[in-house]
Amino acid sequence: MRYLEEFRDPALARRLLDEIHATVTRPWALMEVCGGQTHSIIRHGIDQLLPAEVELIHGPGCPVCVTPLEVIDKALAIASRPDVVFCSFGDMLRVPGTGRDLFRVKGAGGDVRVVYSPLDALEIARRTPGKQVVFFGIGFETTAPANAMAVHQARRLGVRNFSLLVSHVRVPPAIEAVMSSPRCRVQGFLAAGHVCSVMGVGEYPELAERFRVPIVVTGFEPLDILEGVRRTVRQLERGEHRVENAYPRAVRDEGNTAALRMLAEVFEVTDRAWRGIGTIPASGWRLAEDYREFDAEHRFAVTDVRTLELAACRSGEVLQGLLKPYECEAFGTACTPRTPLGATMVSSEGACAAYYLYRRLAHGPAATTGKEASSVG
């Protein structure tokens, strides 16, 4: 299959690994930003195949995981209303709020539906004029254009019973926050290729220069990730700190200009809270003034919901790369996919979910079952 099997070639993976081993001369800590990359790394055992000097730190790139607890509680409050059809992607239904999740709301009689596109939710609103239809719009720059288009279409078509509960976040401010932390150990970044396919790479050179870190735009298959690591390590060994595009089959420097125009029309940049991390300035989007009537927070008066995170859940430290999942006392015991304390254990891109799924229950090669480490060579 084009762009899949050819990017999992064991022989090519071994060649890249050999080059990385030959290049590295000292310890380096790299952060992959995207949760999809984290799952690929753990699934294929890439971190265990790299030289001991190269550490991969998992970043806050799981959109479900960084959606704040208070936003989840707002979703639960709205979804519980008898006049609402609440639509969401499936990965949000098991994310725990305060005492319950969307599955429990559905089980208690709430009209909660899984959809595959915000435009599906818009169509439900068109067919159900007697109900308020709300779509849960979360995610990074990759999902934001489709959500913006849904709101744009709702206004154009005069569908007034449609609204969006928005919790969009942006990657560059998150990188800035990571690098500004006094506990930061990150020396280079593997940037998320799908984000850059929308936004381009224009926001990264300033970050690379200011913090003197290489930023390499990277894909999601094993060879993509190994090539990203190879380029990042090569820069670090040479004392360089540039932005490189190692994912040119999907990413253009200027990004997707049509998507960028839609984002600029419908959204405006705002400060955004990240679950387990706190508020990062200018790190999110909200609906622009011209589209504020479609904002579910205001429509259902849930703007003042405030919550407290569970002290036992250390997902914030996991999301900041300060803690490996197995280093959390609750991991695999009090916190499992069936009884999650936080979103990192239930999201398909969560680091805790990846470590649990692929049996990384402790540090070192003994922690793996062996199947994932053999899959790329």
Protein backbone atom coordinates (compact mmCIF):
# COMPACT_ATOMS: atom_id res chain seq x y z
CA MET A 1 0.00 0.00 0.00
CA ARG A 2 1.54 3.28 -1.11
CA TYR A 3 2.82 5.48 1.73
CA LEU A 4 2.22 2.72 4.27
CA GLU A 5 4.12 -0.50 3.66
CA GLU A 6 7.01 1.28 2.00
CA PHE A 7 7.45 3.39 5.13
CA ARG A 8 7.67 0.26 7.31
CA ASP A 9 10.51 -1.42 5.40
CA PRO A 10 12.75 -3.23 7.97
CA ALA A 11 15.88 -2.97 5.79
CA LEU A 12 15.50 0.78 5.37
CA ALA A 13 14.74 1.12 9.07
CA ARG A 14 17.98 -0.67 9.92
CA ARG A 15 19.95 1.63 7.60
CA LEU A 16 18.50 4.70 9.30
CA LEU A 17 19.19 3.22 12.74
CA ASP A 18 22.77 2.44 11.74
CA GLU A 19 23.26 6.05 10.62
CA ILE A 20 21.80 7.39 13.86
CA HIS A 21 24.08 5.10 15.88
CA ALA A 22 27.08 6.26 13.83
CA THR A 23 26.18 9.94 14.24
CA VAL A 24 25.41 10.27 17.95
CA THR A 25 28.31 11.02 20.30
CA ARG A 26 26.54 12.30 23.42
CA PRO A 27 23.10 12.16 25.10
CA TRP A 28 20.23 14.04 23.44
CA ALA A 29 16.59 14.41 24.52
CA LEU A 30 14.06 14.84 21.71
CA MET A 31 10.33 15.50 22.06
CA GLU A 32 7.80 14.18 19.59
CA VAL A 33 4.91 16.61 19.75
CA CYS A 34 2.11 14.42 18.40
CA GLY A 35 0.32 11.63 20.26
CA GLY A 36 0.00 9.71 17.00
CA GLN A 37 3.78 9.70 16.74
CA THR A 38 4.00 8.51 20.36
CA HIS A 39 1.79 5.51 19.59
CA SER A 40 3.84 4.67 16.51
CA ILE A 41 7.07 4.90 18.53
CA ILE A 42 5.81 2.64 21.30
CA ARG A 43 3.99 0.21 19.01
CA HIS A 44 7.07 -0.39 16.85
CA GLY A 45 9.59 -0.23 19.68
CA ILE A 46 11.47 2.62 18.01
CA ASP A 47 12.61 4.11 21.31
CA GLN A 48 14.19 0.78 22.25
CA LEU A 49 16.00 0.45 18.93
CA LEU A 50 17.60 3.88 19.10
CA PRO A 51 21.01 4.40 20.72
CA ALA A 52 20.90 4.69 24.50
CA GLU A 53 22.07 8.29 24.09
CA VAL A 54 18.84 9.28 22.29
CA GLU A 55 15.85 9.71 24.59
CA LEU A 56 12.38 10.33 23.17
CA ILE A 57 10.19 12.48 25.41
CA HIS A 58 6.44 12.36 24.79
CA GLY A 59 4.88 15.79 24.40
CA PRO A 60 1.42 17.32 24.84
CA GLY A 61 0.26 16.44 21.34
CA CYS A 62 -2.86 14.43 22.16
CA PRO A 63 -5.87 16.72 21.60
CA VAL A 64 -8.23 14.60 23.70
CA CYS A 65 -5.72 14.51 26.55
CA VAL A 66 -5.21 18.25 26.78
CA THR A 67 -8.92 19.14 26.67
CA PRO A 68 -9.48 20.68 30.12
CA LEU A 69 -11.60 18.96 32.73
CA GLU A 70 -13.84 22.02 32.92
CA VAL A 71 -14.58 21.76 29.19
CA ILE A 72 -15.47 18.08 29.64
CA ASP A 73 -17.84 19.09 32.45
CA LYS A 74 -19.37 21.75 30.21
CA ALA A 75 -19.94 19.08 27.58
CA LEU A 76 -21.58 16.82 30.17
CA ALA A 77 -23.87 19.62 31.34
CA ILE A 78 -24.96 20.46 27.81
CA ALA A 79 -25.36 16.81 26.74
CA SER A 80 -27.62 16.13 29.73
CA ARG A 81 -30.24 18.63 28.57
CA PRO A 82 -33.40 17.07 27.09
CA ASP A 83 -33.50 19.61 24.25
CA VAL A 84 -29.97 18.80 23.02
CA VAL A 85 -28.48 16.35 20.56
CA PHE A 86 -24.80 16.24 21.53
CA CYS A 87 -22.44 15.09 18.75
CA SER A 88 -18.81 14.11 19.14
CA PHE A 89 -16.05 12.00 17.73
CA GLY A 90 -15.98 8.65 19.50
CA ASP A 91 -12.71 9.18 21.34
CA MET A 92 -14.28 11.80 23.61
CA LEU A 93 -17.05 9.60 25.00
CA ARG A 94 -14.94 7.81 27.62
CA VAL A 95 -12.86 10.80 28.72
CA PRO A 96 -13.64 11.22 32.43
CA GLY A 97 -15.16 14.43 33.66
CA THR A 98 -16.06 15.06 37.28
CA GLY A 99 -17.72 11.79 38.26
CA ARG A 100 -18.96 10.68 34.84
CA ASP A 101 -18.34 10.70 31.09
CA LEU A 102 -20.43 11.10 27.95
CA PHE A 103 -21.16 7.36 27.81
CA ARG A 104 -22.84 7.62 31.22
CA VAL A 105 -24.83 10.62 30.07
CA LYS A 106 -25.96 8.58 27.08
CA GLY A 107 -26.80 5.63 29.32
CA ALA A 108 -28.91 7.92 31.49
CA GLY A 109 -31.00 8.93 28.47
CA GLY A 110 -29.01 11.80 26.97
CA ASP A 111 -29.03 12.04 23.18
CA VAL A 112 -25.28 11.63 22.61
CA ARG A 113 -24.22 10.59 19.11
CA VAL A 114 -20.92 9.64 17.54
CA VAL A 115 -20.34 11.34 14.19
CA TYR A 116 -17.45 11.23 11.75
CA SER A 117 -17.50 14.88 10.73
CA PRO A 118 -18.86 18.16 12.10
CA LEU A 119 -20.80 18.39 8.85
CA ASP A 120 -22.67 15.23 9.96
CA ALA A 121 -23.75 17.15 13.07
CA LEU A 122 -24.82 20.08 10.91
CA GLU A 123 -26.97 17.75 8.82
CA ILE A 124 -28.60 16.38 11.99
CA ALA A 125 -29.43 19.97 12.96
CA ARG A 126 -31.00 20.59 9.55
CA ARG A 127 -33.16 17.44 9.90
CA THR A 128 -34.05 18.07 13.56
CA PRO A 129 -35.20 21.70 13.82
CA GLY A 130 -36.90 21.09 17.17
CA LYS A 131 -33.61 20.22 18.91
CA GLN A 132 -30.41 22.09 19.66
CA VAL A 133 -27.51 20.21 18.04
CA VAL A 134 -24.06 20.72 19.53
CA PHE A 135 -20.77 19.46 18.10
CA PHE A 136 -17.80 19.00 20.43
CA GLY A 137 -15.03 20.80 18.53
CA ILE A 138 -11.68 19.82 20.02
CA GLY A 139 -8.23 19.28 18.63
CA PHE A 140 -5.16 20.89 17.17
CA GLU A 141 -4.83 22.73 13.90
CA THR A 142 -5.70 19.58 11.95
CA THR A 143 -9.38 19.40 12.97
CA ALA A 144 -10.02 23.12 13.30
CA PRO A 145 -10.64 23.87 9.57
CA ALA A 146 -13.46 21.32 9.30
CA ASN A 147 -15.10 22.71 12.44
CA ALA A 148 -14.73 26.23 11.09
CA MET A 149 -16.36 25.14 7.84
CA ALA A 150 -19.32 23.61 9.71
CA VAL A 151 -20.02 26.89 11.52
CA HIS A 152 -19.52 28.86 8.30
CA GLN A 153 -22.04 26.60 6.55
CA ALA A 154 -24.50 26.83 9.43
CA ARG A 155 -24.57 30.61 9.14
CA ARG A 156 -24.75 30.53 5.34
CA LEU A 157 -27.67 28.06 5.40
CA GLY A 158 -29.45 29.75 8.29
CA VAL A 159 -29.24 26.69 10.58
CA ARG A 160 -29.67 28.44 13.94
CA ASN A 161 -30.08 25.32 16.07
CA PHE A 162 -26.45 24.29 15.51
CA SER A 163 -23.58 25.31 17.78
CA LEU A 164 -19.99 24.37 18.57
CA LEU A 165 -18.41 23.68 21.95
CA VAL A 166 -14.88 24.82 21.13
CA SER A 167 -11.65 23.65 22.74
CA HIS A 168 -9.08 24.05 19.97
CA VAL A 169 -5.39 24.35 20.80
CA ARG A 170 -2.30 25.41 18.85
CA VAL A 171 1.09 23.68 18.75
CA PRO A 172 3.66 26.52 18.55
CA PRO A 173 2.63 28.13 21.87
CA ALA A 174 2.82 24.68 23.48
CA ILE A 175 6.41 24.29 22.25
CA GLU A 176 7.19 27.73 23.69
CA ALA A 177 5.65 26.72 27.02
CA VAL A 178 7.65 23.49 27.14
CA MET A 179 10.91 25.28 26.39
CA SER A 180 10.18 28.04 28.92
CA SER A 181 9.70 25.59 31.78
CA PRO A 182 12.59 25.53 34.29
CA ARG A 183 12.30 21.72 34.29
CA CYS A 184 12.65 21.42 30.52
CA ARG A 185 15.18 18.87 29.21
CA VAL A 186 14.13 18.99 25.55
CA GLN A 187 16.93 19.70 23.04
CA GLY A 188 15.07 19.10 19.77
CA PHE A 189 11.55 18.58 18.43
CA LEU A 190 9.83 16.25 16.01
CA ALA A 191 6.99 18.51 14.85
CA ALA A 192 3.60 17.04 13.91
CA GLY A 193 3.34 16.61 10.16
CA HIS A 194 -0.45 16.78 9.96
CA VAL A 195 -0.51 20.09 11.84
CA CYS A 196 2.06 21.53 9.45
CA SER A 197 0.08 20.23 6.45
CA VAL A 198 -2.57 22.78 7.47
CA MET A 199 -0.51 25.59 8.99
CA GLY A 200 2.77 25.33 7.13
CA VAL A 201 6.08 25.88 8.93
CA GLY A 202 6.10 29.67 9.20
CA GLU A 203 5.70 29.80 13.00
CA TYR A 204 8.63 27.49 13.77
CA PRO A 205 11.83 29.29 12.64
CA GLU A 206 11.46 31.95 15.35
CA LEU A 207 11.07 29.25 18.01
CA ALA A 208 14.05 27.30 16.71
CA GLU A 209 16.21 30.43 16.76
CA ARG A 210 15.03 31.77 20.12
CA PHE A 211 15.42 28.49 22.01
CA ARG A 212 18.28 27.20 19.84
CA VAL A 213 16.59 23.86 19.15
CA PRO A 214 16.21 21.99 15.85
CA ILE A 215 12.60 21.43 14.79
CA VAL A 216 12.06 18.70 12.20
CA VAL A 217 8.59 18.25 10.68
CA THR A 218 7.96 14.52 10.83
CA GLY A 219 5.35 11.99 9.67
CA PHE A 220 3.91 9.02 11.51
CA GLU A 221 5.22 5.79 10.02
CA PRO A 222 8.38 4.15 11.42
CA LEU A 223 10.65 5.39 8.64
CA ASP A 224 9.19 8.90 8.97
CA ILE A 225 10.03 8.97 12.66
CA LEU A 226 13.50 7.48 12.21
CA GLU A 227 14.27 10.03 9.50
CA GLY A 228 13.05 12.80 11.79
CA VAL A 229 15.30 11.52 14.58
CA ARG A 230 18.24 11.20 12.18
CA ARG A 231 17.90 14.79 11.00
CA THR A 232 17.41 16.14 14.51
CA VAL A 233 20.43 14.29 15.91
CA ARG A 234 22.54 15.40 12.96
CA GLN A 235 21.67 19.04 13.65
CA LEU A 236 22.37 18.68 17.36
CA GLU A 237 25.74 17.07 16.75
CA ARG A 238 26.64 19.94 14.39
CA GLY A 239 25.43 22.62 16.78
CA GLU A 240 22.63 23.69 14.40
CA HIS A 241 19.06 24.76 15.18
CA ARG A 242 17.02 24.97 11.99
CA VAL A 243 13.54 23.97 10.82
CA GLU A 244 13.58 21.05 8.39
CA ASN A 245 10.67 19.50 6.52
CA ALA A 246 11.14 15.72 6.56
CA TYR A 247 7.51 15.15 5.48
CA PRO A 248 7.37 16.85 2.06
CA ARG A 249 4.85 14.39 0.65
CA ALA A 250 2.21 16.02 2.87
CA VAL A 251 3.62 19.37 4.02
CA ARG A 252 4.25 22.52 2.03
CA ASP A 253 6.00 25.45 3.63
CA GLU A 254 2.96 27.69 3.13
CA GLY A 255 0.45 25.11 4.41
CA ASN A 256 -3.10 24.78 3.12
CA THR A 257 -4.06 28.30 2.09
CA ALA A 258 -7.80 27.57 1.76
CA ALA A 259 -7.90 26.10 5.27
CA LEU A 260 -5.94 29.06 6.63
CA ARG A 261 -8.44 31.50 5.14
CA MET A 262 -11.34 29.62 6.74
CA LEU A 263 -9.62 29.59 10.13
CA ALA A 264 -8.91 33.32 9.92
CA GLU A 265 -12.56 34.05 9.14
CA VAL A 266 -14.27 31.89 11.77
CA PHE A 267 -11.80 31.75 14.69
CA GLU A 268 -9.67 34.15 16.67
CA VAL A 269 -6.65 33.37 18.83
CA THR A 270 -7.22 33.23 22.58
CA ASP A 271 -5.53 32.01 25.76
CA ARG A 272 -6.44 28.37 26.39
CA ALA A 273 -6.23 26.08 29.40
CA TRP A 274 -4.59 22.69 28.80
CA ARG A 275 -5.59 19.77 30.99
CA GLY A 276 -2.96 19.03 33.59
CA ILE A 277 -0.74 21.87 32.36
CA GLY A 278 -2.59 25.13 32.90
CA THR A 279 -3.28 28.17 30.76
CA ILE A 280 -0.90 28.85 27.87
CA PRO A 281 -1.19 32.34 26.37
CA ALA A 282 -2.43 32.56 22.77
CA SER A 283 -2.53 28.77 22.56
CA GLY A 284 -6.10 28.28 21.37
CA TRP A 285 -8.93 29.43 19.20
CA ARG A 286 -12.44 30.60 19.95
CA LEU A 287 -15.22 31.64 17.62
CA ALA A 288 -14.78 35.15 16.24
CA GLU A 289 -17.30 37.85 17.11
CA ASP A 290 -19.18 37.43 13.82
CA TYR A 291 -19.77 33.74 14.69
CA ARG A 292 -20.27 34.06 18.45
CA GLU A 293 -23.98 33.16 18.18
CA PHE A 294 -22.85 29.61 17.38
CA ASP A 295 -20.80 29.31 20.57
CA ALA A 296 -22.37 26.58 22.74
CA GLU A 297 -20.72 27.88 25.93
CA HIS A 298 -22.66 31.13 25.63
CA ARG A 299 -25.82 29.58 24.21
CA PHE A 300 -26.16 27.24 27.20
CA ALA A 301 -24.63 29.56 29.83
CA VAL A 302 -21.86 27.20 30.96
CA THR A 303 -19.02 29.70 30.83
CA ASP A 304 -18.56 29.72 34.61
CA VAL A 305 -17.94 25.98 35.17
CA ARG A 306 -14.82 25.44 37.33
CA THR A 307 -13.28 22.12 38.37
CA LEU A 308 -10.37 20.52 40.23
CA GLU A 309 -8.19 17.75 38.80
CA LEU A 310 -7.75 14.47 40.68
CA ALA A 311 -4.55 14.60 42.72
CA ALA A 312 -3.87 10.92 41.95
CA CYS A 313 -3.70 11.58 38.20
CA ARG A 314 -0.28 12.79 37.05
CA SER A 315 -1.20 13.13 33.39
CA GLY A 316 -0.10 16.76 33.39
CA GLU A 317 3.47 15.68 34.08
CA VAL A 318 3.18 13.01 31.38
CA LEU A 319 1.92 15.60 28.89
CA GLN A 320 4.84 17.90 29.68
CA GLY A 321 7.35 15.11 29.19
CA LEU A 322 8.38 15.20 32.86
CA LEU A 323 7.16 11.70 33.63
CA LYS A 324 6.94 8.40 31.79
CA PRO A 325 3.50 6.78 32.24
CA TYR A 326 4.82 3.81 34.23
CA GLU A 327 6.35 6.25 36.74
CA CYS A 328 2.87 7.31 37.88
CA GLU A 329 1.82 5.37 40.98
CA ALA A 330 -1.71 4.85 39.62
CA PHE A 331 -0.64 3.56 36.19
CA GLY A 332 -1.95 0.06 35.53
CA THR A 333 -3.47 -0.23 39.01
CA ALA A 334 -6.00 2.43 39.98
CA CYS A 335 -5.80 3.82 36.43
CA THR A 336 -6.51 1.46 33.52
CA PRO A 337 -8.48 1.83 30.27
CA ARG A 338 -11.53 0.45 32.11
CA THR A 339 -11.07 2.73 35.12
CA PRO A 340 -9.23 5.78 33.78
CA LEU A 341 -8.28 8.67 36.02
CA GLY A 342 -7.36 10.88 33.11
CA ALA A 343 -7.68 11.26 29.36
CA THR A 344 -4.14 10.03 28.63
CA MET A 345 -5.32 6.50 29.53
CA VAL A 346 -8.37 6.42 27.24
CA SER A 347 -7.42 8.50 24.21
CA SER A 348 -6.24 6.67 21.10
CA GLU A 349 -3.29 9.09 21.10
CA GLY A 350 -2.62 9.16 24.85
CA ALA A 351 0.84 8.18 26.07
CA CYS A 352 -0.57 6.22 29.03
CA ALA A 353 -2.87 4.28 26.69
CA ALA A 354 0.08 3.44 24.43
CA TYR A 355 2.23 2.22 27.32
CA TYR A 356 -0.63 0.13 28.70
CA LEU A 357 -1.64 -1.31 25.32
CA TYR A 358 1.90 -2.34 24.39
CA ARG A 359 2.74 -3.50 27.92
CA ARG A 360 5.36 -0.91 28.71
CA LEU A 361 4.79 -1.36 32.42
CA ALA A 362 8.34 -0.59 33.49
CA HIS A 363 11.60 0.82 32.14
CA GLY A 364 13.88 -1.07 29.77
CA PRO A 365 13.70 -3.85 27.14
CA ALA A 366 12.13 -6.28 29.61
CA ALA A 367 9.04 -4.09 29.60
CA THR A 368 8.03 -5.05 26.08
CA THR A 369 6.36 -8.19 24.85
CA GLY A 370 8.73 -8.26 21.90
CA LYS A 371 6.17 -8.00 19.11
CA GLU A 372 6.38 -4.23 18.75
CA ALA A 373 10.18 -4.07 18.90
CA SER A 374 10.46 -6.54 16.02
CA SER A 375 8.06 -4.78 13.71
CA VAL A 376 10.55 -2.43 12.07
CA GLY A 377 13.63 -4.59 11.92
